[in-house]
């Protein structure tokens, strides 16, 4: 299944066409609305079917998932060699890359070397927005990307980042497994017309960091100029808690803080520590505003035409790696980054009465629930799990 990569210029020319040609809408983004259940008239919550990417979170363990993958490997006849072309814009060996790097390694091992991967990393074939159309048109077999590019096809995906809804990694992992979230993923696949989503991970829960002192309660948010990602749902969430959300480019956050364009930021530990924001900000307030979720996906034609048992094995191994990543890997990475912050003089506190933030966003939850039956079901499900 090895494909010839198209040139970067051709990719750019194709990208707009891909938005319309594979089920998407070129004018719709996470900010102004892709396909939703309200658009399609569907609000049904269905299980994900064969090669299920969801598991019973109440009884799951790394050991049980590993045993399931081994069972599938033992029952599969690996008679055909398959090479998967896989791409990520991220850095090879980075924490967030570990989920799919370990997945590829384990799949190759369990298949006796019959399933191998040609892995493009470090932006060698473009950004997330470049990789997605390459997988959609079959130039690449599979890839990874953040929520932004996929949200162009299904606005319901944005509900995973509803402010103050998913506030810790344990809840995030459980939310990923719910039928309500699986239904949103199914709808996103249907909207693209050519993708199969097999896994999900997070580059780090967002918290607050402020040059004005610690954020202790919701009162400390009033009028605070806080750098916020440009997505509507996040901008609206910050306004709902009394802050003044300001958008700056990701690569301009440090200088914006330094030049007092903004007073604060919503940020994860990895970025705060990795980009030395502790040189400017000495107060970091933990709250778990939202997860920055990412997806691992296949071209659905490639996935559906794999030899018998191959897709089952890859999904089973992904289920194992997703569990390990969200319950162990990212937790440990946050702790390491947190210690780096402490070592560099940052005072860290937990925000008091976090339920006040969720209550302030109640109108936002209602607004998005009214747009889509799938969104309503997911929001209510996560609230019931807290």
Protein backbone atom coordinates (compact mmCIF):
# COMPACT_ATOMS: atom_id res chain seq x y z
CA UNK A 1 0.00 0.00 0.00
CA UNK A 2 2.96 2.21 -0.48
CA UNK A 3 2.04 5.43 -2.22
CA UNK A 4 4.06 8.03 -4.08
CA UNK A 5 3.99 11.33 -2.22
CA UNK A 6 2.79 14.36 -4.13
CA UNK A 7 4.79 17.57 -4.04
CA UNK A 8 4.10 20.22 -1.44
CA UNK A 9 2.84 22.59 -4.14
CA UNK A 10 0.38 20.03 -5.43
CA UNK A 11 -0.80 19.34 -1.89
CA UNK A 12 -1.59 23.01 -1.39
CA UNK A 13 -3.49 23.15 -4.65
CA UNK A 14 -5.47 20.02 -3.80
CA UNK A 15 -6.40 20.98 -0.24
CA UNK A 16 -9.32 23.26 -1.12
CA UNK A 17 -10.70 20.70 -3.55
CA UNK A 18 -10.44 17.96 -0.97
CA UNK A 19 -12.67 19.89 1.43
CA UNK A 20 -15.53 19.71 -1.03
CA UNK A 21 -14.61 16.48 -2.83
CA UNK A 22 -14.57 14.04 0.06
CA UNK A 23 -17.66 15.07 1.98
CA UNK A 24 -16.47 18.25 3.70
CA UNK A 25 -17.48 21.89 3.40
CA UNK A 26 -14.74 24.29 2.41
CA UNK A 27 -16.39 27.25 4.17
CA UNK A 28 -17.03 25.44 7.46
CA UNK A 29 -14.54 25.26 10.30
CA UNK A 30 -14.63 24.52 13.99
CA UNK A 31 -15.45 28.20 14.51
CA UNK A 32 -18.33 28.64 12.09
CA UNK A 33 -19.84 25.18 11.97
CA UNK A 34 -19.24 21.97 10.03
CA UNK A 35 -21.75 19.17 9.68
CA UNK A 36 -23.72 18.49 12.86
CA UNK A 37 -26.49 16.14 13.87
CA UNK A 38 -28.83 19.10 13.58
CA UNK A 39 -27.77 19.46 9.93
CA UNK A 40 -28.33 15.80 9.18
CA UNK A 41 -31.41 15.39 11.32
CA UNK A 42 -29.76 12.59 13.29
CA UNK A 43 -29.34 12.45 17.04
CA UNK A 44 -29.07 8.69 17.48
CA UNK A 45 -26.31 7.28 19.67
CA UNK A 46 -24.93 4.10 18.16
CA UNK A 47 -22.09 1.74 18.97
CA UNK A 48 -19.08 1.88 16.69
CA UNK A 49 -19.45 -1.62 15.22
CA UNK A 50 -16.64 -3.89 14.02
CA UNK A 51 -13.02 -3.11 14.94
CA UNK A 52 -14.49 -1.15 17.87
CA UNK A 53 -12.30 1.65 19.15
CA UNK A 54 -14.23 1.79 22.46
CA UNK A 55 -13.87 -0.45 25.50
CA UNK A 56 -15.62 -0.94 28.85
CA UNK A 57 -13.77 1.67 30.92
CA UNK A 58 -15.04 0.23 34.22
CA UNK A 59 -13.25 -3.09 33.75
CA UNK A 60 -10.41 -2.33 31.35
CA UNK A 61 -6.70 -2.64 32.14
CA UNK A 62 -3.51 -2.48 30.14
CA UNK A 63 -3.10 -6.21 30.69
CA UNK A 64 -6.57 -7.10 29.40
CA UNK A 65 -6.11 -4.96 26.31
CA UNK A 66 -2.72 -6.49 25.64
CA UNK A 67 -4.21 -9.97 25.98
CA UNK A 68 -6.95 -9.08 23.48
CA UNK A 69 -4.39 -7.90 20.94
CA UNK A 70 -2.35 -11.07 21.40
CA UNK A 71 -5.48 -13.20 20.97
CA UNK A 72 -6.25 -11.53 17.66
CA UNK A 73 -2.65 -11.91 16.50
CA UNK A 74 -2.68 -15.61 17.37
CA UNK A 75 -5.85 -16.19 15.34
CA UNK A 76 -4.79 -14.20 12.27
CA UNK A 77 -2.99 -15.71 9.30
CA UNK A 78 -0.39 -13.13 8.31
CA UNK A 79 0.21 -14.36 4.77
CA UNK A 80 0.43 -10.99 3.04
CA UNK A 81 2.99 -8.26 3.65
CA UNK A 82 1.49 -4.79 4.03
CA UNK A 83 3.34 -1.49 4.36
CA UNK A 84 1.35 1.43 5.77
CA UNK A 85 2.30 4.99 4.82
CA UNK A 86 1.81 6.98 8.04
CA UNK A 87 2.50 10.67 8.67
CA UNK A 88 2.54 13.12 11.57
CA UNK A 89 3.59 16.75 11.60
CA UNK A 90 4.96 16.32 15.12
CA UNK A 91 8.47 15.62 16.33
CA UNK A 92 9.63 12.03 16.30
CA UNK A 93 10.14 10.74 19.83
CA UNK A 94 7.99 13.44 21.43
CA UNK A 95 5.57 12.51 24.21
CA UNK A 96 2.49 12.86 22.02
CA UNK A 97 4.12 10.82 19.25
CA UNK A 98 4.69 7.89 21.61
CA UNK A 99 1.14 6.60 21.24
CA UNK A 100 1.41 5.90 17.52
CA UNK A 101 5.12 5.09 17.54
CA UNK A 102 4.56 2.34 20.12
CA UNK A 103 1.43 1.27 18.23
CA UNK A 104 3.42 0.81 15.00
CA UNK A 105 6.17 -1.06 16.82
CA UNK A 106 3.74 -3.43 18.54
CA UNK A 107 1.67 -4.09 15.41
CA UNK A 108 4.81 -4.99 13.47
CA UNK A 109 5.93 -7.29 16.28
CA UNK A 110 2.59 -9.08 16.70
CA UNK A 111 2.19 -9.55 12.95
CA UNK A 112 5.59 -11.22 12.68
CA UNK A 113 6.83 -8.37 10.53
CA UNK A 114 4.02 -8.67 8.00
CA UNK A 115 2.59 -5.24 8.84
CA UNK A 116 5.20 -2.50 8.61
CA UNK A 117 5.06 1.28 8.51
CA UNK A 118 6.78 3.95 6.45
CA UNK A 119 6.73 6.76 9.01
CA UNK A 120 6.96 10.43 8.01
CA UNK A 121 7.54 12.75 10.99
CA UNK A 122 8.75 16.23 11.88
CA UNK A 123 6.59 17.92 9.26
CA UNK A 124 8.41 16.18 6.40
CA UNK A 125 5.17 15.96 4.40
CA UNK A 126 3.55 19.07 5.81
CA UNK A 127 1.38 20.28 8.66
CA UNK A 128 -1.71 18.63 10.12
CA UNK A 129 -3.76 20.48 7.51
CA UNK A 130 -1.52 19.11 4.74
CA UNK A 131 -1.52 15.52 5.98
CA UNK A 132 -5.29 15.19 6.31
CA UNK A 133 -6.05 15.71 2.57
CA UNK A 134 -3.23 13.33 1.66
CA UNK A 135 -4.86 10.59 3.71
CA UNK A 136 -8.27 11.48 2.33
CA UNK A 137 -7.15 11.15 -1.28
CA UNK A 138 -5.12 7.98 -0.62
CA UNK A 139 -1.67 9.49 -1.12
CA UNK A 140 -1.01 8.44 2.47
CA UNK A 141 -2.68 5.49 4.18
CA UNK A 142 -2.94 6.94 7.68
CA UNK A 143 -1.98 9.91 9.79
CA UNK A 144 -2.38 11.92 12.98
CA UNK A 145 -3.66 15.44 13.49
CA UNK A 146 -5.12 17.82 16.06
CA UNK A 147 -8.83 18.48 16.34
CA UNK A 148 -8.80 21.58 14.13
CA UNK A 149 -8.56 20.10 10.61
CA UNK A 150 -11.12 17.37 11.32
CA UNK A 151 -13.54 19.87 12.84
CA UNK A 152 -13.92 21.37 9.38
CA UNK A 153 -16.04 18.33 8.57
CA UNK A 154 -17.97 17.93 11.81
CA UNK A 155 -18.56 20.80 14.22
CA UNK A 156 -19.74 18.31 16.86
CA UNK A 157 -16.11 17.32 17.49
CA UNK A 158 -15.55 20.71 19.15
CA UNK A 159 -17.72 19.63 22.08
CA UNK A 160 -14.81 17.54 23.39
CA UNK A 161 -13.16 20.89 24.17
CA UNK A 162 -16.20 22.38 25.90
CA UNK A 163 -14.65 24.58 28.61
CA UNK A 164 -14.56 23.03 32.10
CA UNK A 165 -16.42 19.89 30.98
CA UNK A 166 -13.52 17.39 30.79
CA UNK A 167 -11.12 18.42 33.52
CA UNK A 168 -8.76 15.48 34.11
CA UNK A 169 -7.21 12.61 32.17
CA UNK A 170 -9.21 9.85 33.86
CA UNK A 171 -12.46 11.52 32.84
CA UNK A 172 -11.05 12.19 29.37
CA UNK A 173 -10.25 8.52 28.82
CA UNK A 174 -13.71 7.48 30.00
CA UNK A 175 -15.39 10.12 27.83
CA UNK A 176 -13.56 8.75 24.78
CA UNK A 177 -15.12 5.32 25.37
CA UNK A 178 -18.74 6.41 25.74
CA UNK A 179 -21.32 5.52 23.07
CA UNK A 180 -22.17 9.22 22.96
CA UNK A 181 -18.65 10.17 21.86
CA UNK A 182 -18.38 7.19 19.53
CA UNK A 183 -21.55 8.42 17.81
CA UNK A 184 -19.90 11.80 17.21
CA UNK A 185 -16.83 10.08 15.75
CA UNK A 186 -19.07 7.96 13.52
CA UNK A 187 -20.80 11.11 12.29
CA UNK A 188 -17.43 12.74 11.60
CA UNK A 189 -16.35 9.73 9.54
CA UNK A 190 -19.59 9.86 7.61
CA UNK A 191 -19.16 13.60 6.99
CA UNK A 192 -15.70 13.10 5.46
CA UNK A 193 -16.84 10.11 3.43
CA UNK A 194 -13.37 8.59 3.42
CA UNK A 195 -11.83 8.40 6.90
CA UNK A 196 -11.73 5.78 9.66
CA UNK A 197 -10.78 7.18 13.08
CA UNK A 198 -8.96 4.55 15.14
CA UNK A 199 -7.44 6.41 18.09
CA UNK A 200 -7.34 9.53 20.18
CA UNK A 201 -4.75 11.23 22.40
CA UNK A 202 -4.07 14.55 24.10
CA UNK A 203 -1.12 16.94 24.02
CA UNK A 204 -2.05 18.22 27.47
CA UNK A 205 -4.93 19.59 29.54
CA UNK A 206 -5.08 23.38 29.59
CA UNK A 207 -4.74 25.41 32.78
CA UNK A 208 -4.20 29.11 33.59
CA UNK A 209 -0.92 31.01 33.94
CA UNK A 210 -1.01 34.70 34.84
CA UNK A 211 1.42 37.56 35.33
CA UNK A 212 -1.16 39.21 37.62
CA UNK A 213 -0.90 36.59 40.35
CA UNK A 214 -2.55 33.23 40.98
CA UNK A 215 -6.06 32.49 39.76
CA UNK A 216 -7.70 31.42 43.01
CA UNK A 217 -11.40 31.84 42.21
CA UNK A 218 -13.60 32.85 39.30
CA UNK A 219 -13.46 36.46 40.58
CA UNK A 220 -9.81 36.60 39.55
CA UNK A 221 -10.85 36.15 35.90
CA UNK A 222 -12.76 39.43 35.68
CA UNK A 223 -11.29 41.61 32.94
CA UNK A 224 -8.15 39.45 32.68
CA UNK A 225 -6.57 39.73 29.23
CA UNK A 226 -5.95 36.06 28.55
CA UNK A 227 -4.49 34.57 25.41
CA UNK A 228 -7.02 32.02 24.21
CA UNK A 229 -7.07 29.72 21.18
CA UNK A 230 -9.16 31.14 18.36
CA UNK A 231 -11.92 28.50 18.44
CA UNK A 232 -15.33 30.04 19.13
CA UNK A 233 -16.22 27.58 21.90
CA UNK A 234 -13.08 28.55 23.87
CA UNK A 235 -13.42 32.28 23.26
CA UNK A 236 -17.03 32.12 24.42
CA UNK A 237 -16.03 30.10 27.48
CA UNK A 238 -13.47 32.67 28.56
CA UNK A 239 -15.98 35.48 28.12
CA UNK A 240 -18.53 33.52 30.16
CA UNK A 241 -16.22 33.45 33.18
CA UNK A 242 -15.57 37.19 32.94
CA UNK A 243 -12.20 37.22 31.17
CA UNK A 244 -11.18 39.20 28.10
CA UNK A 245 -10.06 36.53 25.59
CA UNK A 246 -7.41 37.69 23.13
CA UNK A 247 -6.17 35.71 20.13
CA UNK A 248 -2.49 35.73 19.21
CA UNK A 249 -0.57 33.36 16.98
CA UNK A 250 0.88 30.36 18.80
CA UNK A 251 4.45 31.40 17.98
CA UNK A 252 3.79 34.91 19.35
CA UNK A 253 2.56 33.92 22.82
CA UNK A 254 5.92 34.47 24.56
CA UNK A 255 6.41 37.95 23.11
CA UNK A 256 2.76 38.85 23.73
CA UNK A 257 3.25 38.03 27.40
CA UNK A 258 6.59 39.80 27.49
CA UNK A 259 5.18 42.96 25.90
CA UNK A 260 2.03 42.86 28.06
CA UNK A 261 -0.31 42.45 25.09
CA UNK A 262 -1.89 39.79 27.29
CA UNK A 263 -1.76 39.26 31.05
CA UNK A 264 -2.30 35.52 31.07
CA UNK A 265 -2.74 32.41 28.98
CA UNK A 266 -4.60 29.12 28.94
CA UNK A 267 -1.81 26.63 28.46
CA UNK A 268 -0.67 23.07 29.08
CA UNK A 269 2.34 22.11 31.15
CA UNK A 270 4.36 20.91 28.16
CA UNK A 271 4.15 24.24 26.35
CA UNK A 272 4.64 26.35 29.47
CA UNK A 273 7.78 24.45 30.49
CA UNK A 274 9.07 23.60 27.01
CA UNK A 275 8.88 27.18 25.75
CA UNK A 276 10.20 28.70 28.99
CA UNK A 277 7.12 30.76 29.77
CA UNK A 278 8.26 30.54 33.40
CA UNK A 279 10.76 33.25 32.52
CA UNK A 280 7.83 35.70 32.39
CA UNK A 281 5.03 34.11 34.44
CA UNK A 282 5.53 32.91 38.00
CA UNK A 283 1.98 31.75 38.75
CA UNK A 284 0.39 28.61 37.30
CA UNK A 285 -3.16 27.69 38.34
CA UNK A 286 -4.45 24.17 37.76
CA UNK A 287 -8.07 23.78 36.70
CA UNK A 288 -8.30 21.52 33.63
CA UNK A 289 -10.05 23.94 31.29
CA UNK A 290 -10.16 21.54 28.33
CA UNK A 291 -8.18 18.75 26.67
CA UNK A 292 -6.34 19.40 23.42
CA UNK A 293 -7.40 16.22 21.71
CA UNK A 294 -5.82 14.69 18.60
CA UNK A 295 -6.80 11.81 16.33
CA UNK A 296 -5.20 8.89 14.52
CA UNK A 297 -7.02 7.94 11.35
CA UNK A 298 -6.91 5.84 8.17
CA UNK A 299 -8.13 6.30 4.66
CA UNK A 300 -11.30 4.19 4.99
CA UNK A 301 -10.79 2.41 1.67
CA UNK A 302 -7.31 1.33 2.76
CA UNK A 303 -8.62 0.25 6.16
CA UNK A 304 -11.60 -1.67 4.79
CA UNK A 305 -9.48 -3.54 2.24
CA UNK A 306 -6.79 -4.81 4.59
CA UNK A 307 -6.39 -8.60 4.72
CA UNK A 308 -8.60 -10.43 7.22
CA UNK A 309 -7.63 -9.74 10.81
CA UNK A 310 -5.16 -6.96 10.06
CA UNK A 311 -7.52 -4.09 10.92
CA UNK A 312 -8.73 -5.96 14.02
CA UNK A 313 -5.16 -6.26 15.24
CA UNK A 314 -4.31 -2.62 14.59
CA UNK A 315 -7.43 -1.45 16.40
CA UNK A 316 -6.80 -3.75 19.37
CA UNK A 317 -3.23 -2.49 19.73
CA UNK A 318 -4.44 1.09 19.41
CA UNK A 319 -6.96 0.50 22.21
CA UNK A 320 -4.10 -0.67 24.41
CA UNK A 321 -1.86 2.26 23.55
CA UNK A 322 -4.66 4.81 24.00
CA UNK A 323 -5.29 3.48 27.50
CA UNK A 324 -1.59 3.60 28.39
CA UNK A 325 -1.17 7.07 26.95
CA UNK A 326 -4.13 8.74 28.66
CA UNK A 327 -3.75 6.97 32.02
CA UNK A 328 0.04 6.87 32.32
CA UNK A 329 2.17 8.58 29.63
CA UNK A 330 0.64 12.06 29.54
CA UNK A 331 0.17 12.07 33.33
CA UNK A 332 3.87 11.36 33.85
CA UNK A 333 4.86 13.94 31.22
CA UNK A 334 2.79 16.61 32.96
CA UNK A 335 4.43 15.80 36.29
CA UNK A 336 7.89 16.16 34.75
CA UNK A 337 6.99 19.51 33.17
CA UNK A 338 5.40 20.65 36.42
CA UNK A 339 8.61 19.90 38.30
CA UNK A 340 10.59 21.91 35.74
CA UNK A 341 8.25 24.84 36.41
CA UNK A 342 8.73 24.50 40.17
CA UNK A 343 12.49 24.31 39.73
CA UNK A 344 12.32 27.61 37.85
CA UNK A 345 10.45 29.44 40.58
CA UNK A 346 6.84 29.01 39.51
CA UNK A 347 4.21 28.89 42.26
CA UNK A 348 1.49 26.36 41.46
CA UNK A 349 -1.99 26.33 42.97
CA UNK A 350 -5.30 24.57 42.41
CA UNK A 351 -8.20 26.84 41.51
CA UNK A 352 -10.83 26.91 44.25
CA UNK A 353 -14.47 26.09 43.51
CA UNK A 354 -13.96 24.92 39.91
CA UNK A 355 -17.68 24.18 39.76
CA UNK A 356 -18.23 27.95 39.58
CA UNK A 357 -16.49 27.98 36.21
CA UNK A 358 -18.69 25.17 34.90
CA UNK A 359 -21.79 26.93 36.22
CA UNK A 360 -20.79 30.15 34.46
CA UNK A 361 -20.62 28.19 31.20
CA UNK A 362 -24.07 26.61 31.61
CA UNK A 363 -25.53 28.87 28.95
CA UNK A 364 -22.73 27.87 26.56
CA UNK A 365 -23.46 24.18 27.18
CA UNK A 366 -27.14 24.80 26.45
CA UNK A 367 -26.31 26.75 23.30
CA UNK A 368 -24.22 23.94 21.80
CA UNK A 369 -26.61 21.22 22.96
CA UNK A 370 -29.43 23.01 21.14
CA UNK A 371 -27.45 22.84 17.90
CA UNK A 372 -27.08 19.06 17.87
CA UNK A 373 -28.67 16.01 19.45
CA UNK A 374 -25.27 14.30 19.45
CA UNK A 375 -23.69 17.23 21.29
CA UNK A 376 -26.50 17.29 23.84
CA UNK A 377 -26.15 13.57 24.54
CA UNK A 378 -22.36 13.82 24.93
CA UNK A 379 -22.40 16.88 27.21
CA UNK A 380 -25.04 15.33 29.45
CA UNK A 381 -23.18 12.01 29.57
CA UNK A 382 -19.90 13.61 30.67
CA UNK A 383 -21.67 15.74 33.27
CA UNK A 384 -23.23 12.58 34.71
CA UNK A 385 -19.77 11.00 35.03
CA UNK A 386 -18.24 13.80 37.12
